[in-house]
């Protein structure tokens, strides 16, 4: 099995509070993601920054603080790869309420069938999704080099690694909806996705 690393990021300036404090019903969204993905993982990590404290760490889950400050999503991915103890690491953004374990199963199946790549990344909605992707842990050293060049565009990871792009057709065939990759960036998006999911028992101003 692989490790699952939930990348919590820093202070969500467009949200007005850290995304690790996003609520989804009566729980924090990261707690929902942990419960959803833990059965498919050997270990689960929460990757965060020095400026953000995880409200409540679920049992059996480790917390890893960013090893490189100010590196954005690539820094979170690098920290996950450097800290995990498994050959493969599935990185997952904390603001993906519809994240689907079937993608992890799909990517892991490609590995088991002998497809040898460093990165298994979905392409949906006209873009890649590096924070819903499976990485080989040995990519850590190269990821650090990329960060040190000043690169901050997570979408560019496909250019730096042996990448297996999983197409929209493959995703649909596996029953994975495009909604899987919908993330939360603003209070309006947060409100709309909660309403779509029938959730109305959490606040918006500070995640409480």
C-alpha atoms as a PDB file:
ATOM      1  CA  UNK A   1       0.000   0.000   0.000  1.00  0.00           C
ATOM      2  CA  UNK A   2       0.944   3.617  -0.375  1.00  0.00           C
ATOM      3  CA  UNK A   3       1.069   6.619   1.919  1.00  0.00           C
ATOM      4  CA  UNK A   4      -1.612   9.269   1.654  1.00  0.00           C
ATOM      5  CA  UNK A   5      -0.475  12.831   2.340  1.00  0.00           C
ATOM      6  CA  UNK A   6      -3.123  15.506   2.813  1.00  0.00           C
ATOM      7  CA  UNK A   7      -1.491  18.820   1.945  1.00  0.00           C
ATOM      8  CA  UNK A   8      -3.062  21.435   4.212  1.00  0.00           C
ATOM      9  CA  UNK A   9      -1.144  24.488   3.000  1.00  0.00           C
ATOM     10  CA  UNK A  10      -0.760  27.726   4.896  1.00  0.00           C
ATOM     11  CA  UNK A  11      -3.084  30.631   5.567  1.00  0.00           C
ATOM     12  CA  UNK A  12      -5.837  30.681   2.918  1.00  0.00           C
ATOM     13  CA  UNK A  13      -5.784  34.345   1.996  1.00  0.00           C
ATOM     14  CA  UNK A  14      -8.640  34.096  -0.500  1.00  0.00           C
ATOM     15  CA  UNK A  15     -10.656  32.145   2.058  1.00  0.00           C
ATOM     16  CA  UNK A  16      -9.799  34.446   4.949  1.00  0.00           C
ATOM     17  CA  UNK A  17      -8.622  31.595   7.181  1.00  0.00           C
ATOM     18  CA  UNK A  18      -6.444  28.455   6.863  1.00  0.00           C
ATOM     19  CA  UNK A  19      -8.035  25.751   4.750  1.00  0.00           C
ATOM     20  CA  UNK A  20      -7.186  23.164   7.391  1.00  0.00           C
ATOM     21  CA  UNK A  21     -10.082  24.742   9.308  1.00  0.00           C
ATOM     22  CA  UNK A  22     -12.651  24.114   6.570  1.00  0.00           C
ATOM     23  CA  UNK A  23     -15.658  22.350   8.042  1.00  0.00           C
ATOM     24  CA  UNK A  24     -17.628  19.680   6.229  1.00  0.00           C
ATOM     25  CA  UNK A  25     -20.682  18.962   8.273  1.00  0.00           C
ATOM     26  CA  UNK A  26     -19.740  18.380  11.908  1.00  0.00           C
ATOM     27  CA  UNK A  27     -16.116  17.549  11.129  1.00  0.00           C
ATOM     28  CA  UNK A  28     -13.160  19.320   9.618  1.00  0.00           C
ATOM     29  CA  UNK A  29     -12.783  18.498   5.948  1.00  0.00           C
ATOM     30  CA  UNK A  30      -9.338  16.986   6.517  1.00  0.00           C
ATOM     31  CA  UNK A  31     -10.898  14.569   9.029  1.00  0.00           C
ATOM     32  CA  UNK A  32     -13.406  13.516   6.376  1.00  0.00           C
ATOM     33  CA  UNK A  33     -10.574  12.942   3.906  1.00  0.00           C
ATOM     34  CA  UNK A  34      -8.559  10.947   6.441  1.00  0.00           C
ATOM     35  CA  UNK A  35     -11.501   8.630   7.115  1.00  0.00           C
ATOM     36  CA  UNK A  36     -12.130   8.268   3.395  1.00  0.00           C
ATOM     37  CA  UNK A  37      -8.570   7.439   2.374  1.00  0.00           C
ATOM     38  CA  UNK A  38      -7.053   5.762   5.450  1.00  0.00           C
ATOM     39  CA  UNK A  39      -8.444   2.311   4.527  1.00  0.00           C
ATOM     40  CA  UNK A  40      -6.449   2.530   1.281  1.00  0.00           C
ATOM     41  CA  UNK A  41      -3.176   3.639   2.858  1.00  0.00           C
ATOM     42  CA  UNK A  42      -0.321   2.185   4.870  1.00  0.00           C
ATOM     43  CA  UNK A  43       0.203   5.563   6.511  1.00  0.00           C
ATOM     44  CA  UNK A  44      -1.490   8.963   6.497  1.00  0.00           C
ATOM     45  CA  UNK A  45       0.291  12.300   6.815  1.00  0.00           C
ATOM     46  CA  UNK A  46      -1.016  15.818   7.281  1.00  0.00           C
ATOM     47  CA  UNK A  47       1.419  18.255   5.667  1.00  0.00           C
ATOM     48  CA  UNK A  48       1.179  21.781   7.027  1.00  0.00           C
ATOM     49  CA  UNK A  49       3.217  24.949   7.479  1.00  0.00           C
ATOM     50  CA  UNK A  50       4.730  26.669  10.498  1.00  0.00           C
ATOM     51  CA  UNK A  51       2.008  29.327  10.409  1.00  0.00           C
ATOM     52  CA  UNK A  52      -0.874  26.858  10.694  1.00  0.00           C
ATOM     53  CA  UNK A  53      -1.811  24.494  13.503  1.00  0.00           C
ATOM     54  CA  UNK A  54      -3.934  21.416  12.831  1.00  0.00           C
ATOM     55  CA  UNK A  55      -6.994  21.716  15.109  1.00  0.00           C
ATOM     56  CA  UNK A  56      -7.220  18.012  16.017  1.00  0.00           C
ATOM     57  CA  UNK A  57      -4.915  15.266  14.775  1.00  0.00           C
ATOM     58  CA  UNK A  58      -6.773  11.990  14.159  1.00  0.00           C
ATOM     59  CA  UNK A  59      -5.395   8.864  15.819  1.00  0.00           C
ATOM     60  CA  UNK A  60      -2.730   7.130  13.773  1.00  0.00           C
ATOM     61  CA  UNK A  61      -2.044  10.193  11.628  1.00  0.00           C
ATOM     62  CA  UNK A  62       1.338  11.957  11.551  1.00  0.00           C
ATOM     63  CA  UNK A  63       1.897  15.687  11.024  1.00  0.00           C
ATOM     64  CA  UNK A  64       4.779  16.883   8.820  1.00  0.00           C
ATOM     65  CA  UNK A  65       5.766  20.550   8.681  1.00  0.00           C
ATOM     66  CA  UNK A  66       6.921  22.020   5.358  1.00  0.00           C
ATOM     67  CA  UNK A  67      10.645  21.461   4.882  1.00  0.00           C
ATOM     68  CA  UNK A  68      10.927  24.467   2.567  1.00  0.00           C
ATOM     69  CA  UNK A  69       9.123  27.678   3.479  1.00  0.00           C
ATOM     70  CA  UNK A  70       7.254  29.652   0.839  1.00  0.00           C
ATOM     71  CA  UNK A  71       7.420  26.961  -1.843  1.00  0.00           C
ATOM     72  CA  UNK A  72       3.648  26.670  -2.268  1.00  0.00           C
ATOM     73  CA  UNK A  73       2.045  23.395  -3.338  1.00  0.00           C
ATOM     74  CA  UNK A  74       5.352  22.031  -4.630  1.00  0.00           C
ATOM     75  CA  UNK A  75       6.762  22.461  -1.144  1.00  0.00           C
ATOM     76  CA  UNK A  76       3.893  20.462   0.301  1.00  0.00           C
ATOM     77  CA  UNK A  77       4.410  17.694  -2.234  1.00  0.00           C
ATOM     78  CA  UNK A  78       8.148  17.657  -1.560  1.00  0.00           C
ATOM     79  CA  UNK A  79       7.599  17.411   2.197  1.00  0.00           C
ATOM     80  CA  UNK A  80       5.166  14.534   1.707  1.00  0.00           C
ATOM     81  CA  UNK A  81       7.646  12.640  -0.460  1.00  0.00           C
ATOM     82  CA  UNK A  82      10.540  13.291   1.908  1.00  0.00           C
ATOM     83  CA  UNK A  83       8.654  12.267   5.040  1.00  0.00           C
ATOM     84  CA  UNK A  84       6.659   9.249   3.861  1.00  0.00           C
ATOM     85  CA  UNK A  85       7.926   5.741   4.443  1.00  0.00           C
ATOM     86  CA  UNK A  86       6.402   4.004   1.432  1.00  0.00           C
ATOM     87  CA  UNK A  87       7.507   3.580  -2.174  1.00  0.00           C
ATOM     88  CA  UNK A  88       4.558   5.597  -3.465  1.00  0.00           C
ATOM     89  CA  UNK A  89       2.831   8.642  -2.023  1.00  0.00           C
ATOM     90  CA  UNK A  90      -0.615   9.894  -2.959  1.00  0.00           C
ATOM     91  CA  UNK A  91      -0.825  13.639  -2.425  1.00  0.00           C
ATOM     92  CA  UNK A  92      -4.199  15.197  -1.792  1.00  0.00           C
ATOM     93  CA  UNK A  93      -5.155  18.838  -1.283  1.00  0.00           C
ATOM     94  CA  UNK A  94      -7.104  19.555   1.877  1.00  0.00           C
ATOM     95  CA  UNK A  95      -9.761  21.536  -0.044  1.00  0.00           C
ATOM     96  CA  UNK A  96     -11.099  18.691  -2.227  1.00  0.00           C
ATOM     97  CA  UNK A  97     -14.405  17.630  -0.644  1.00  0.00           C
ATOM     98  CA  UNK A  98     -15.232  15.122  -3.397  1.00  0.00           C
ATOM     99  CA  UNK A  99     -11.787  13.487  -3.636  1.00  0.00           C
ATOM    100  CA  UNK A 100     -12.298   9.888  -4.722  1.00  0.00           C
ATOM    101  CA  UNK A 101     -10.241   6.870  -3.541  1.00  0.00           C
ATOM    102  CA  UNK A 102     -11.069   5.185  -6.848  1.00  0.00           C
ATOM    103  CA  UNK A 103      -8.400   7.339  -8.478  1.00  0.00           C
ATOM    104  CA  UNK A 104      -5.827   5.947  -6.070  1.00  0.00           C
ATOM    105  CA  UNK A 105      -7.012   2.447  -6.920  1.00  0.00           C
ATOM    106  CA  UNK A 106      -6.805   3.226 -10.637  1.00  0.00           C
ATOM    107  CA  UNK A 107      -3.273   4.618 -10.407  1.00  0.00           C
ATOM    108  CA  UNK A 108      -2.106   1.788  -8.133  1.00  0.00           C
ATOM    109  CA  UNK A 109      -3.520  -0.697 -10.625  1.00  0.00           C
ATOM    110  CA  UNK A 110      -1.354   0.788 -13.367  1.00  0.00           C
ATOM    111  CA  UNK A 111       1.692   0.289 -11.155  1.00  0.00           C
ATOM    112  CA  UNK A 112       0.712  -3.299 -10.438  1.00  0.00           C
ATOM    113  CA  UNK A 113       0.334  -3.971 -14.165  1.00  0.00           C
ATOM    114  CA  UNK A 114       3.924  -2.916 -14.711  1.00  0.00           C
ATOM    115  CA  UNK A 115       3.588   0.677 -15.926  1.00  0.00           C
ATOM    116  CA  UNK A 116       6.782   2.270 -14.606  1.00  0.00           C
ATOM    117  CA  UNK A 117       6.388   6.006 -14.122  1.00  0.00           C
ATOM    118  CA  UNK A 118       7.364   8.510 -11.453  1.00  0.00           C
ATOM    119  CA  UNK A 119       4.029  10.296 -11.465  1.00  0.00           C
ATOM    120  CA  UNK A 120       0.466   9.164 -12.165  1.00  0.00           C
ATOM    121  CA  UNK A 121      -1.560  12.319 -12.633  1.00  0.00           C
ATOM    122  CA  UNK A 122      -5.156  12.949 -13.741  1.00  0.00           C
ATOM    123  CA  UNK A 123      -6.079  15.343 -16.521  1.00  0.00           C
ATOM    124  CA  UNK A 124      -9.605  16.684 -16.146  1.00  0.00           C
ATOM    125  CA  UNK A 125     -11.352  19.940 -16.946  1.00  0.00           C
ATOM    126  CA  UNK A 126      -8.524  21.015 -19.209  1.00  0.00           C
ATOM    127  CA  UNK A 127      -5.767  20.795 -16.602  1.00  0.00           C
ATOM    128  CA  UNK A 128      -3.554  18.487 -14.577  1.00  0.00           C
ATOM    129  CA  UNK A 129      -4.206  17.875 -10.890  1.00  0.00           C
ATOM    130  CA  UNK A 130      -0.858  17.496  -9.087  1.00  0.00           C
ATOM    131  CA  UNK A 131      -2.559  17.548  -5.687  1.00  0.00           C
ATOM    132  CA  UNK A 132      -4.692  14.516  -6.489  1.00  0.00           C
ATOM    133  CA  UNK A 133      -1.867  12.410  -7.874  1.00  0.00           C
ATOM    134  CA  UNK A 134       0.365   9.427  -7.106  1.00  0.00           C
ATOM    135  CA  UNK A 135       4.148  10.000  -6.905  1.00  0.00           C
ATOM    136  CA  UNK A 136       7.070   7.654  -6.532  1.00  0.00           C
ATOM    137  CA  UNK A 137       8.802   8.634  -3.291  1.00  0.00           C
ATOM    138  CA  UNK A 138      12.224   8.771  -4.962  1.00  0.00           C
ATOM    139  CA  UNK A 139      11.005  11.914  -6.764  1.00  0.00           C
ATOM    140  CA  UNK A 140      11.754  13.860  -3.568  1.00  0.00           C
ATOM    141  CA  UNK A 141      15.339  14.819  -4.462  1.00  0.00           C
ATOM    142  CA  UNK A 142      14.353  16.033  -7.916  1.00  0.00           C
ATOM    143  CA  UNK A 143      11.400  17.942  -6.462  1.00  0.00           C
ATOM    144  CA  UNK A 144      13.757  19.767  -4.118  1.00  0.00           C
ATOM    145  CA  UNK A 145      15.962  20.704  -7.083  1.00  0.00           C
ATOM    146  CA  UNK A 146      12.928  22.032  -8.954  1.00  0.00           C
ATOM    147  CA  UNK A 147      11.900  24.173  -5.996  1.00  0.00           C
ATOM    148  CA  UNK A 148      15.418  25.563  -5.677  1.00  0.00           C
ATOM    149  CA  UNK A 149      15.256  26.810  -9.281  1.00  0.00           C
ATOM    150  CA  UNK A 150      12.391  29.062  -8.201  1.00  0.00           C
ATOM    151  CA  UNK A 151       9.683  27.041  -9.914  1.00  0.00           C
ATOM    152  CA  UNK A 152       6.330  27.344  -8.118  1.00  0.00           C
ATOM    153  CA  UNK A 153       3.872  26.171 -10.778  1.00  0.00           C
ATOM    154  CA  UNK A 154       2.583  22.806  -9.618  1.00  0.00           C
ATOM    155  CA  UNK A 155       1.064  22.141 -13.054  1.00  0.00           C
ATOM    156  CA  UNK A 156       4.601  21.855 -14.419  1.00  0.00           C
ATOM    157  CA  UNK A 157       5.361  18.632 -12.560  1.00  0.00           C
ATOM    158  CA  UNK A 158       4.427  16.653 -15.663  1.00  0.00           C
ATOM    159  CA  UNK A 159       7.398  18.241 -17.452  1.00  0.00           C
ATOM    160  CA  UNK A 160       9.934  17.229 -14.821  1.00  0.00           C
ATOM    161  CA  UNK A 161       9.076  13.578 -14.197  1.00  0.00           C
ATOM    162  CA  UNK A 162       8.251  10.435 -16.133  1.00  0.00           C
ATOM    163  CA  UNK A 163       4.542  11.117 -16.060  1.00  0.00           C
ATOM    164  CA  UNK A 164       1.616   8.841 -16.780  1.00  0.00           C
ATOM    165  CA  UNK A 165      -1.253  11.176 -17.598  1.00  0.00           C
ATOM    166  CA  UNK A 166      -4.600   9.562 -16.837  1.00  0.00           C
ATOM    167  CA  UNK A 167      -7.069  10.950 -19.345  1.00  0.00           C
ATOM    168  CA  UNK A 168     -10.647  12.059 -18.834  1.00  0.00           C
ATOM    169  CA  UNK A 169     -11.781   9.014 -20.804  1.00  0.00           C
ATOM    170  CA  UNK A 170      -9.925   6.691 -18.412  1.00  0.00           C
ATOM    171  CA  UNK A 171     -11.322   8.542 -15.424  1.00  0.00           C
ATOM    172  CA  UNK A 172     -14.903   8.293 -16.651  1.00  0.00           C
ATOM    173  CA  UNK A 173     -14.435   4.606 -17.450  1.00  0.00           C
ATOM    174  CA  UNK A 174     -13.333   4.064 -13.843  1.00  0.00           C
ATOM    175  CA  UNK A 175     -16.430   5.891 -12.565  1.00  0.00           C
ATOM    176  CA  UNK A 176     -14.494   8.960 -11.419  1.00  0.00           C
ATOM    177  CA  UNK A 177     -16.506  12.150 -11.813  1.00  0.00           C
ATOM    178  CA  UNK A 178     -14.914  15.456 -12.861  1.00  0.00           C
ATOM    179  CA  UNK A 179     -16.355  16.793  -9.607  1.00  0.00           C
ATOM    180  CA  UNK A 180     -13.644  14.797  -7.833  1.00  0.00           C
ATOM    181  CA  UNK A 181     -11.155  17.568  -8.611  1.00  0.00           C
ATOM    182  CA  UNK A 182     -13.317  20.503  -7.518  1.00  0.00           C
ATOM    183  CA  UNK A 183     -11.550  22.521  -4.851  1.00  0.00           C
ATOM    184  CA  UNK A 184     -12.504  25.364  -2.527  1.00  0.00           C
ATOM    185  CA  UNK A 185     -10.768  28.710  -2.945  1.00  0.00           C
ATOM    186  CA  UNK A 186     -13.243  31.357  -1.786  1.00  0.00           C
ATOM    187  CA  UNK A 187     -16.117  31.728   0.698  1.00  0.00           C
ATOM    188  CA  UNK A 188     -18.578  31.783  -2.211  1.00  0.00           C
ATOM    189  CA  UNK A 189     -17.252  28.458  -3.519  1.00  0.00           C
ATOM    190  CA  UNK A 190     -17.325  27.052   0.003  1.00  0.00           C
ATOM    191  CA  UNK A 191     -20.949  28.108   0.442  1.00  0.00           C
ATOM    192  CA  UNK A 192     -22.013  26.767  -2.966  1.00  0.00           C
ATOM    193  CA  UNK A 193     -20.372  23.365  -2.484  1.00  0.00           C
ATOM    194  CA  UNK A 194     -21.807  23.001   1.001  1.00  0.00           C
ATOM    195  CA  UNK A 195     -25.276  23.825  -0.289  1.00  0.00           C
ATOM    196  CA  UNK A 196     -24.823  21.386  -3.172  1.00  0.00           C
ATOM    197  CA  UNK A 197     -23.962  18.682  -0.634  1.00  0.00           C
ATOM    198  CA  UNK A 198     -26.809  19.580   1.711  1.00  0.00           C
ATOM    199  CA  UNK A 199     -24.473  20.885   4.411  1.00  0.00           C
ATOM    200  CA  UNK A 200     -25.549  23.957   6.356  1.00  0.00           C
ATOM    201  CA  UNK A 201     -24.192  23.458   9.872  1.00  0.00           C
ATOM    202  CA  UNK A 202     -20.824  25.183   9.612  1.00  0.00           C
ATOM    203  CA  UNK A 203     -19.684  28.786   9.515  1.00  0.00           C
ATOM    204  CA  UNK A 204     -17.704  30.600   6.891  1.00  0.00           C
ATOM    205  CA  UNK A 205     -15.821  33.412   8.554  1.00  0.00           C
ATOM    206  CA  UNK A 206     -13.124  31.389  10.311  1.00  0.00           C
ATOM    207  CA  UNK A 207     -13.898  27.752   9.613  1.00  0.00           C
ATOM    208  CA  UNK A 208     -15.650  27.187  12.931  1.00  0.00           C
END
